[in-house]
Amino acid sequence: MPMSNKTTGNPLVSYPVIVLAASGDVDAINAVLKYYEGYIAALSTRQLLDESGNPHLCVDEALRRRLETKLITKILTFNVA
């Protein structure tokens, strides 16, 4: 069973992957994290100023890890009917 739906053109994570992830399957959890990788990076992007006052965009790694941890927590507590 493929873990990535991007090859099939389906924009959503498949139900079997969600079920596996909710049951604690590491590969399925990693597939969900990979699926949301860009979104998490966008949410954790911050504008910082250098010593000259020039703005630079960069990913706040601490925030990115916190968002990933929160997603993993929600995956593991997700109730699959």
PDB file of N, CA and C in Angstrom:
ATOM      1  N   MET A   1       0.845  -1.169   0.000  1.00  0.00           N
ATOM      2  CA  MET A   1       0.000   0.000   0.000  1.00  0.00           C
ATOM      3  C   MET A   1       0.891   1.234   0.000  1.00  0.00           C
ATOM      4  N   PRO A   2       0.724   2.139  -0.972  1.00  0.00           N
ATOM      5  CA  PRO A   2       1.569   3.325  -1.002  1.00  0.00           C
ATOM      6  C   PRO A   2       1.207   4.285   0.118  1.00  0.00           C
ATOM      7  N   MET A   3       2.214   4.886   0.689  1.00  0.00           N
ATOM      8  CA  MET A   3       1.995   5.837   1.777  1.00  0.00           C
ATOM      9  C   MET A   3       1.732   7.241   1.259  1.00  0.00           C
ATOM     10  N   SER A   4       2.118   7.538   0.024  1.00  0.00           N
ATOM     11  CA  SER A   4       1.955   8.881  -0.508  1.00  0.00           C
ATOM     12  C   SER A   4       0.840   8.919  -1.527  1.00  0.00           C
ATOM     13  N   ASN A   5      -0.043   9.892  -1.379  1.00  0.00           N
ATOM     14  CA  ASN A   5      -1.133  10.054  -2.324  1.00  0.00           C
ATOM     15  C   ASN A   5      -0.797  11.063  -3.404  1.00  0.00           C
ATOM     16  N   LYS A   6       0.354  11.704  -3.304  1.00  0.00           N
ATOM     17  CA  LYS A   6       0.717  12.718  -4.280  1.00  0.00           C
ATOM     18  C   LYS A   6       0.943  12.095  -5.652  1.00  0.00           C
ATOM     19  N   THR A   7       1.334  10.820  -5.689  1.00  0.00           N
ATOM     20  CA  THR A   7       1.552  10.170  -6.975  1.00  0.00           C
ATOM     21  C   THR A   7       0.231   9.841  -7.660  1.00  0.00           C
ATOM     22  N   THR A   8      -0.851   9.694  -6.903  1.00  0.00           N
ATOM     23  CA  THR A   8      -2.151   9.381  -7.484  1.00  0.00           C
ATOM     24  C   THR A   8      -2.952  10.639  -7.793  1.00  0.00           C
ATOM     25  N   GLY A   9      -2.455  11.799  -7.387  1.00  0.00           N
ATOM     26  CA  GLY A   9      -3.156  13.045  -7.639  1.00  0.00           C
ATOM     27  C   GLY A   9      -4.226  13.357  -6.616  1.00  0.00           C
ATOM     28  N   ASN A  10      -4.412  12.497  -5.626  1.00  0.00           N
ATOM     29  CA  ASN A  10      -5.402  12.716  -4.582  1.00  0.00           C
ATOM     30  C   ASN A  10      -4.841  13.720  -3.578  1.00  0.00           C
ATOM     31  N   PRO A  11      -5.541  14.838  -3.341  1.00  0.00           N
ATOM     32  CA  PRO A  11      -4.993  15.862  -2.469  1.00  0.00           C
ATOM     33  C   PRO A  11      -5.079  15.541  -0.980  1.00  0.00           C
ATOM     34  N   LEU A  12      -5.702  14.450  -0.591  1.00  0.00           N
ATOM     35  CA  LEU A  12      -5.876  14.127   0.816  1.00  0.00           C
ATOM     36  C   LEU A  12      -5.056  12.898   1.204  1.00  0.00           C
ATOM     37  N   VAL A  13      -4.745  12.797   2.487  1.00  0.00           N
ATOM     38  CA  VAL A  13      -4.121  11.586   3.010  1.00  0.00           C
ATOM     39  C   VAL A  13      -5.184  10.496   3.000  1.00  0.00           C
ATOM     40  N   SER A  14      -4.834   9.319   2.520  1.00  0.00           N
ATOM     41  CA  SER A  14      -5.830   8.256   2.386  1.00  0.00           C
ATOM     42  C   SER A  14      -6.276   7.726   3.752  1.00  0.00           C
ATOM     43  N   TYR A  15      -7.473   7.211   3.787  1.00  0.00           N
ATOM     44  CA  TYR A  15      -8.045   6.676   5.024  1.00  0.00           C
ATOM     45  C   TYR A  15      -7.203   5.540   5.604  1.00  0.00           C
ATOM     46  N   PRO A  16      -6.737   4.589   4.784  1.00  0.00           N
ATOM     47  CA  PRO A  16      -5.902   3.524   5.363  1.00  0.00           C
ATOM     48  C   PRO A  16      -4.629   4.061   6.033  1.00  0.00           C
ATOM     49  N   VAL A  17      -4.035   5.100   5.477  1.00  0.00           N
ATOM     50  CA  VAL A  17      -2.846   5.692   6.097  1.00  0.00           C
ATOM     51  C   VAL A  17      -3.224   6.351   7.414  1.00  0.00           C
ATOM     52  N   ILE A  18      -4.365   7.010   7.461  1.00  0.00           N
ATOM     53  CA  ILE A  18      -4.830   7.642   8.701  1.00  0.00           C
ATOM     54  C   ILE A  18      -5.070   6.589   9.775  1.00  0.00           C
ATOM     55  N   VAL A  19      -5.698   5.478   9.396  1.00  0.00           N
ATOM     56  CA  VAL A  19      -5.963   4.402  10.357  1.00  0.00           C
ATOM     57  C   VAL A  19      -4.649   3.842  10.893  1.00  0.00           C
ATOM     58  N   LEU A  20      -3.697   3.585  10.003  1.00  0.00           N
ATOM     59  CA  LEU A  20      -2.399   3.075  10.442  1.00  0.00           C
ATOM     60  C   LEU A  20      -1.678   4.072  11.340  1.00  0.00           C
ATOM     61  N   ALA A  21      -1.729   5.335  10.977  1.00  0.00           N
ATOM     62  CA  ALA A  21      -1.068   6.365  11.778  1.00  0.00           C
ATOM     63  C   ALA A  21      -1.706   6.469  13.162  1.00  0.00           C
ATOM     64  N   ALA A  22      -3.024   6.422  13.224  1.00  0.00           N
ATOM     65  CA  ALA A  22      -3.727   6.507  14.508  1.00  0.00           C
ATOM     66  C   ALA A  22      -3.417   5.313  15.398  1.00  0.00           C
ATOM     67  N   SER A  23      -3.068   4.181  14.768  1.00  0.00           N
ATOM     68  CA  SER A  23      -2.724   2.997  15.560  1.00  0.00           C
ATOM     69  C   SER A  23      -1.252   2.986  15.951  1.00  0.00           C
ATOM     70  N   GLY A  24      -0.491   3.995  15.518  1.00  0.00           N
ATOM     71  CA  GLY A  24       0.893   4.119  15.945  1.00  0.00           C
ATOM     72  C   GLY A  24       1.927   3.655  14.943  1.00  0.00           C
ATOM     73  N   ASP A  25       1.526   3.316  13.717  1.00  0.00           N
ATOM     74  CA  ASP A  25       2.474   2.874  12.698  1.00  0.00           C
ATOM     75  C   ASP A  25       3.414   4.031  12.339  1.00  0.00           C
ATOM     76  N   VAL A  26       4.713   3.813  12.545  1.00  0.00           N
ATOM     77  CA  VAL A  26       5.703   4.875  12.367  1.00  0.00           C
ATOM     78  C   VAL A  26       5.774   5.340  10.917  1.00  0.00           C
ATOM     79  N   ASP A  27       5.722   4.413   9.968  1.00  0.00           N
ATOM     80  CA  ASP A  27       5.783   4.788   8.556  1.00  0.00           C
ATOM     81  C   ASP A  27       4.572   5.634   8.158  1.00  0.00           C
ATOM     82  N   ALA A  28       3.407   5.284   8.675  1.00  0.00           N
ATOM     83  CA  ALA A  28       2.197   6.057   8.362  1.00  0.00           C
ATOM     84  C   ALA A  28       2.258   7.451   8.989  1.00  0.00           C
ATOM     85  N   ILE A  29       2.758   7.533  10.219  1.00  0.00           N
ATOM     86  CA  ILE A  29       2.902   8.834  10.864  1.00  0.00           C
ATOM     87  C   ILE A  29       3.879   9.697  10.069  1.00  0.00           C
ATOM     88  N   ASN A  30       4.980   9.092   9.634  1.00  0.00           N
ATOM     89  CA  ASN A  30       5.947   9.829   8.816  1.00  0.00           C
ATOM     90  C   ASN A  30       5.341  10.272   7.491  1.00  0.00           C
ATOM     91  N   ALA A  31       4.449   9.459   6.922  1.00  0.00           N
ATOM     92  CA  ALA A  31       3.782   9.830   5.676  1.00  0.00           C
ATOM     93  C   ALA A  31       2.884  11.045   5.888  1.00  0.00           C
ATOM     94  N   VAL A  32       2.174  11.088   7.008  1.00  0.00           N
ATOM     95  CA  VAL A  32       1.322  12.237   7.318  1.00  0.00           C
ATOM     96  C   VAL A  32       2.183  13.475   7.561  1.00  0.00           C
ATOM     97  N   LEU A  33       3.283  13.312   8.295  1.00  0.00           N
ATOM     98  CA  LEU A  33       4.193  14.439   8.520  1.00  0.00           C
ATOM     99  C   LEU A  33       4.770  14.949   7.209  1.00  0.00           C
ATOM    100  N   LYS A  34       5.133  14.038   6.322  1.00  0.00           N
ATOM    101  CA  LYS A  34       5.671  14.422   5.022  1.00  0.00           C
ATOM    102  C   LYS A  34       4.621  15.178   4.212  1.00  0.00           C
ATOM    103  N   TYR A  35       3.370  14.725   4.286  1.00  0.00           N
ATOM    104  CA  TYR A  35       2.271  15.362   3.561  1.00  0.00           C
ATOM    105  C   TYR A  35       2.100  16.818   4.004  1.00  0.00           C
ATOM    106  N   TYR A  36       2.219  17.058   5.301  1.00  0.00           N
ATOM    107  CA  TYR A  36       2.011  18.400   5.854  1.00  0.00           C
ATOM    108  C   TYR A  36       3.307  19.178   6.040  1.00  0.00           C
ATOM    109  N   GLU A  37       4.406  18.655   5.536  1.00  0.00           N
ATOM    110  CA  GLU A  37       5.716  19.279   5.708  1.00  0.00           C
ATOM    111  C   GLU A  37       5.748  20.733   5.215  1.00  0.00           C
ATOM    112  N   GLY A  38       5.234  20.978   4.039  1.00  0.00           N
ATOM    113  CA  GLY A  38       5.239  22.332   3.477  1.00  0.00           C
ATOM    114  C   GLY A  38       4.358  23.280   4.269  1.00  0.00           C
ATOM    115  N   TYR A  39       3.202  22.806   4.691  1.00  0.00           N
ATOM    116  CA  TYR A  39       2.281  23.634   5.465  1.00  0.00           C
ATOM    117  C   TYR A  39       2.900  24.007   6.809  1.00  0.00           C
ATOM    118  N   ILE A  40       3.531  23.032   7.460  1.00  0.00           N
ATOM    119  CA  ILE A  40       4.180  23.294   8.743  1.00  0.00           C
ATOM    120  C   ILE A  40       5.326  24.281   8.557  1.00  0.00           C
ATOM    121  N   ALA A  41       6.093  24.126   7.486  1.00  0.00           N
ATOM    122  CA  ALA A  41       7.191  25.062   7.221  1.00  0.00           C
ATOM    123  C   ALA A  41       6.647  26.469   6.992  1.00  0.00           C
ATOM    124  N   ALA A  42       5.538  26.582   6.273  1.00  0.00           N
ATOM    125  CA  ALA A  42       4.941  27.895   6.028  1.00  0.00           C
ATOM    126  C   ALA A  42       4.451  28.527   7.333  1.00  0.00           C
ATOM    127  N   LEU A  43       3.853  27.718   8.202  1.00  0.00           N
ATOM    128  CA  LEU A  43       3.370  28.239   9.477  1.00  0.00           C
ATOM    129  C   LEU A  43       4.507  28.665  10.398  1.00  0.00           C
ATOM    130  N   SER A  44       5.647  28.021  10.276  1.00  0.00           N
ATOM    131  CA  SER A  44       6.758  28.326  11.177  1.00  0.00           C
ATOM    132  C   SER A  44       7.786  29.274  10.558  1.00  0.00           C
ATOM    133  N   THR A  45       7.466  29.873   9.418  1.00  0.00           N
ATOM    134  CA  THR A  45       8.367  30.837   8.792  1.00  0.00           C
ATOM    135  C   THR A  45       8.219  32.197   9.473  1.00  0.00           C
ATOM    136  N   ARG A  46       9.350  32.752   9.837  1.00  0.00           N
ATOM    137  CA  ARG A  46       9.378  34.041  10.527  1.00  0.00           C
ATOM    138  C   ARG A  46      10.282  35.001   9.778  1.00  0.00           C
ATOM    139  N   GLN A  47       9.981  36.279   9.884  1.00  0.00           N
ATOM    140  CA  GLN A  47      10.825  37.304   9.292  1.00  0.00           C
ATOM    141  C   GLN A  47      11.763  37.833  10.370  1.00  0.00           C
ATOM    142  N   LEU A  48      13.052  37.714  10.121  1.00  0.00           N
ATOM    143  CA  LEU A  48      14.062  38.198  11.056  1.00  0.00           C
ATOM    144  C   LEU A  48      14.848  39.320  10.396  1.00  0.00           C
ATOM    145  N   LEU A  49      15.387  40.196  11.210  1.00  0.00           N
ATOM    146  CA  LEU A  49      16.201  41.295  10.714  1.00  0.00           C
ATOM    147  C   LEU A  49      17.661  41.003  11.026  1.00  0.00           C
ATOM    148  N   ASP A  50      18.532  41.229  10.035  1.00  0.00           N
ATOM    149  CA  ASP A  50      19.962  41.064  10.278  1.00  0.00           C
ATOM    150  C   ASP A  50      20.520  42.314  10.940  1.00  0.00           C
ATOM    151  N   GLU A  51      21.839  42.356  11.156  1.00  0.00           N
ATOM    152  CA  GLU A  51      22.446  43.485  11.869  1.00  0.00           C
ATOM    153  C   GLU A  51      22.299  44.805  11.125  1.00  0.00           C
ATOM    154  N   SER A  52      22.047  44.730   9.808  1.00  0.00           N
ATOM    155  CA  SER A  52      21.855  45.954   9.020  1.00  0.00           C
ATOM    156  C   SER A  52      20.390  46.363   8.946  1.00  0.00           C
ATOM    157  N   GLY A  53      19.515  45.544   9.514  1.00  0.00           N
ATOM    158  CA  GLY A  53      18.096  45.851   9.483  1.00  0.00           C
ATOM    159  C   GLY A  53      17.372  45.303   8.269  1.00  0.00           C
ATOM    160  N   ASN A  54      18.056  44.458   7.476  1.00  0.00           N
ATOM    161  CA  ASN A  54      17.438  43.847   6.300  1.00  0.00           C
ATOM    162  C   ASN A  54      16.596  42.640   6.710  1.00  0.00           C
ATOM    163  N   PRO A  55      15.371  42.553   6.194  1.00  0.00           N
ATOM    164  CA  PRO A  55      14.517  41.412   6.570  1.00  0.00           C
ATOM    165  C   PRO A  55      14.920  40.130   5.822  1.00  0.00           C
ATOM    166  N   HIS A  56      14.844  39.017   6.534  1.00  0.00           N
ATOM    167  CA  HIS A  56      15.107  37.698   5.963  1.00  0.00           C
ATOM    168  C   HIS A  56      14.052  36.729   6.487  1.00  0.00           C
ATOM    169  N   LEU A  57      13.552  35.876   5.602  1.00  0.00           N
ATOM    170  CA  LEU A  57      12.603  34.844   6.010  1.00  0.00           C
ATOM    171  C   LEU A  57      13.374  33.570   6.334  1.00  0.00           C
ATOM    172  N   CYS A  58      13.020  32.948   7.445  1.00  0.00           N
ATOM    173  CA  CYS A  58      13.638  31.678   7.804  1.00  0.00           C
ATOM    174  C   CYS A  58      12.643  30.865   8.625  1.00  0.00           C
ATOM    175  N   VAL A  59      12.855  29.557   8.615  1.00  0.00           N
ATOM    176  CA  VAL A  59      11.989  28.657   9.365  1.00  0.00           C
ATOM    177  C   VAL A  59      12.484  28.605  10.803  1.00  0.00           C
ATOM    178  N   ASP A  60      11.579  28.876  11.718  1.00  0.00           N
ATOM    179  CA  ASP A  60      11.873  28.765  13.150  1.00  0.00           C
ATOM    180  C   ASP A  60      11.817  27.270  13.495  1.00  0.00           C
ATOM    181  N   GLU A  61      12.985  26.659  13.670  1.00  0.00           N
ATOM    182  CA  GLU A  61      13.060  25.209  13.869  1.00  0.00           C
ATOM    183  C   GLU A  61      12.365  24.759  15.150  1.00  0.00           C
ATOM    184  N   ALA A  62      12.442  25.550  16.199  1.00  0.00           N
ATOM    185  CA  ALA A  62      11.771  25.186  17.452  1.00  0.00           C
ATOM    186  C   ALA A  62      10.256  25.159  17.245  1.00  0.00           C
ATOM    187  N   LEU A  63       9.728  26.149  16.555  1.00  0.00           N
ATOM    188  CA  LEU A  63       8.298  26.194  16.278  1.00  0.00           C
ATOM    189  C   LEU A  63       7.890  25.047  15.356  1.00  0.00           C
ATOM    190  N   ARG A  64       8.727  24.748  14.352  1.00  0.00           N
ATOM    191  CA  ARG A  64       8.432  23.640  13.433  1.00  0.00           C
ATOM    192  C   ARG A  64       8.349  22.316  14.203  1.00  0.00           C
ATOM    193  N   ARG A  65       9.286  22.085  15.099  1.00  0.00           N
ATOM    194  CA  ARG A  65       9.264  20.852  15.895  1.00  0.00           C
ATOM    195  C   ARG A  65       8.044  20.801  16.813  1.00  0.00           C
ATOM    196  N   ARG A  66       7.669  21.959  17.378  1.00  0.00           N
ATOM    197  CA  ARG A  66       6.477  21.988  18.236  1.00  0.00           C
ATOM    198  C   ARG A  66       5.225  21.662  17.442  1.00  0.00           C
ATOM    199  N   LEU A  67       5.114  22.195  16.222  1.00  0.00           N
ATOM    200  CA  LEU A  67       3.951  21.906  15.375  1.00  0.00           C
ATOM    201  C   LEU A  67       3.920  20.432  14.974  1.00  0.00           C
ATOM    202  N   GLU A  68       5.084  19.868  14.643  1.00  0.00           N
ATOM    203  CA  GLU A  68       5.145  18.449  14.299  1.00  0.00           C
ATOM    204  C   GLU A  68       4.757  17.578  15.493  1.00  0.00           C
ATOM    205  N   THR A  69       5.234  17.942  16.674  1.00  0.00           N
ATOM    206  CA  THR A  69       4.893  17.199  17.888  1.00  0.00           C
ATOM    207  C   THR A  69       3.397  17.273  18.158  1.00  0.00           C
ATOM    208  N   LYS A  70       2.821  18.444  17.975  1.00  0.00           N
ATOM    209  CA  LYS A  70       1.373  18.618  18.177  1.00  0.00           C
ATOM    210  C   LYS A  70       0.591  17.760  17.188  1.00  0.00           C
ATOM    211  N   LEU A  71       1.041  17.723  15.935  1.00  0.00           N
ATOM    212  CA  LEU A  71       0.379  16.899  14.917  1.00  0.00           C
ATOM    213  C   LEU A  71       0.475  15.420  15.281  1.00  0.00           C
ATOM    214  N   ILE A  72       1.634  14.965  15.708  1.00  0.00           N
ATOM    215  CA  ILE A  72       1.806  13.559  16.095  1.00  0.00           C
ATOM    216  C   ILE A  72       0.902  13.228  17.272  1.00  0.00           C
ATOM    217  N   THR A  73       0.817  14.120  18.233  1.00  0.00           N
ATOM    218  CA  THR A  73      -0.059  13.904  19.400  1.00  0.00           C
ATOM    219  C   THR A  73      -1.513  13.759  18.963  1.00  0.00           C
ATOM    220  N   LYS A  74      -1.951  14.639  18.060  1.00  0.00           N
ATOM    221  CA  LYS A  74      -3.334  14.577  17.586  1.00  0.00           C
ATOM    222  C   LYS A  74      -3.584  13.322  16.748  1.00  0.00           C
ATOM    223  N   ILE A  75      -2.595  12.897  15.976  1.00  0.00           N
ATOM    224  CA  ILE A  75      -2.734  11.667  15.186  1.00  0.00           C
ATOM    225  C   ILE A  75      -2.948  10.486  16.115  1.00  0.00           C
ATOM    226  N   LEU A  76      -2.131  10.395  17.170  1.00  0.00           N
ATOM    227  CA  LEU A  76      -2.186   9.240  18.067  1.00  0.00           C
ATOM    228  C   LEU A  76      -3.448   9.223  18.934  1.00  0.00           C
ATOM    229  N   THR A  77      -4.076  10.377  19.134  1.00  0.00           N
ATOM    230  CA  THR A  77      -5.315  10.409  19.921  1.00  0.00           C
ATOM    231  C   THR A  77      -6.559  10.455  19.042  1.00  0.00           C
ATOM    232  N   PHE A  78      -6.353  10.405  17.705  1.00  0.00           N
ATOM    233  CA  PHE A  78      -7.468  10.462  16.777  1.00  0.00           C
ATOM    234  C   PHE A  78      -8.309   9.197  16.899  1.00  0.00           C
ATOM    235  N   ASN A  79      -9.616   9.356  17.005  1.00  0.00           N
ATOM    236  CA  ASN A  79     -10.526   8.226  17.153  1.00  0.00           C
ATOM    237  C   ASN A  79     -11.045   7.823  15.779  1.00  0.00           C
ATOM    238  N   VAL A  80     -10.557   6.700  15.274  1.00  0.00           N
ATOM    239  CA  VAL A  80     -10.999   6.190  13.966  1.00  0.00           C
ATOM    240  C   VAL A  80     -12.235   5.339  14.209  1.00  0.00           C
ATOM    241  N   ALA A  81     -13.321   5.750  13.591  1.00  0.00           N
ATOM    242  CA  ALA A  81     -14.597   5.036  13.795  1.00  0.00           C
ATOM    243  C   ALA A  81     -14.631   3.703  13.088  1.00  0.00           C
TER     244      ALA A  81
END
